[in-house]
Amino acid sequence: MLSERAILEFQQLYRKKFGEDIAFNKAKEEALKLLKLFQLIFKPINHEKNES
């Protein structure tokens, strides 16, 4: 869950990057998608040791 402040910051960053406003609910949805992507990218990789 994102705080209201985090979503407002996301809206500001979006406006700065793309030059347009984004509605609060849409900003919340897009920010959550971005967080999910980062979680997938930075998920620790389990390395199994091959002992032959």
Protein backbone atom coordinates (compact mmCIF):
# COMPACT_ATOMS: atom_id res chain seq x y z
CA MET A 1 0.00 0.00 0.00
CA LEU A 2 1.25 3.45 -0.84
CA SER A 3 0.80 6.51 1.31
CA GLU A 4 -1.04 9.53 -0.03
CA ARG A 5 2.22 11.46 0.09
CA ALA A 6 3.99 8.84 -2.05
CA ILE A 7 1.23 8.99 -4.66
CA LEU A 8 1.35 12.78 -4.74
CA GLU A 9 5.12 12.61 -5.24
CA PHE A 10 4.57 10.13 -8.07
CA GLN A 11 2.12 12.59 -9.67
CA GLN A 12 4.76 15.34 -9.46
CA LEU A 13 7.44 13.13 -11.00
CA TYR A 14 5.06 12.05 -13.76
CA ARG A 15 4.20 15.69 -14.53
CA LYS A 16 7.90 16.61 -14.60
CA LYS A 17 8.84 13.69 -16.89
CA PHE A 18 5.86 13.63 -19.28
CA GLY A 19 4.57 17.21 -19.06
CA GLU A 20 1.00 16.20 -18.21
CA ASP A 21 -1.09 15.65 -15.12
CA ILE A 22 -2.29 12.25 -14.03
CA ALA A 23 -5.36 11.64 -11.84
CA PHE A 24 -4.75 10.47 -8.28
CA ASN A 25 -6.29 7.02 -8.82
CA LYS A 26 -4.39 6.50 -12.07
CA ALA A 27 -1.18 7.63 -10.36
CA LYS A 28 -1.79 5.13 -7.56
CA GLU A 29 -2.37 2.32 -10.06
CA GLU A 30 0.73 3.16 -12.12
CA ALA A 31 2.94 3.59 -9.05
CA LEU A 32 1.88 0.17 -7.76
CA LYS A 33 2.68 -1.37 -11.16
CA LEU A 34 6.11 0.27 -11.05
CA LEU A 35 6.77 -1.05 -7.55
CA LYS A 36 5.75 -4.54 -8.61
CA LEU A 37 8.15 -4.35 -11.55
CA PHE A 38 11.02 -3.31 -9.28
CA GLN A 39 10.19 -6.14 -6.89
CA LEU A 40 10.44 -8.61 -9.76
CA ILE A 41 13.69 -7.14 -11.06
CA PHE A 42 15.41 -6.97 -7.70
CA LYS A 43 14.09 -10.26 -6.35
CA PRO A 44 16.94 -12.25 -4.88
CA ILE A 45 18.07 -15.15 -7.01
CA ASN A 46 18.44 -18.48 -5.26
CA HIS A 47 21.53 -20.25 -6.51
CA GLU A 48 21.45 -23.98 -6.05
CA LYS A 49 24.80 -25.59 -5.54
CA ASN A 50 25.43 -28.44 -7.93
CA GLU A 51 27.22 -31.11 -6.02
CA SER A 52 28.05 -33.90 -8.48
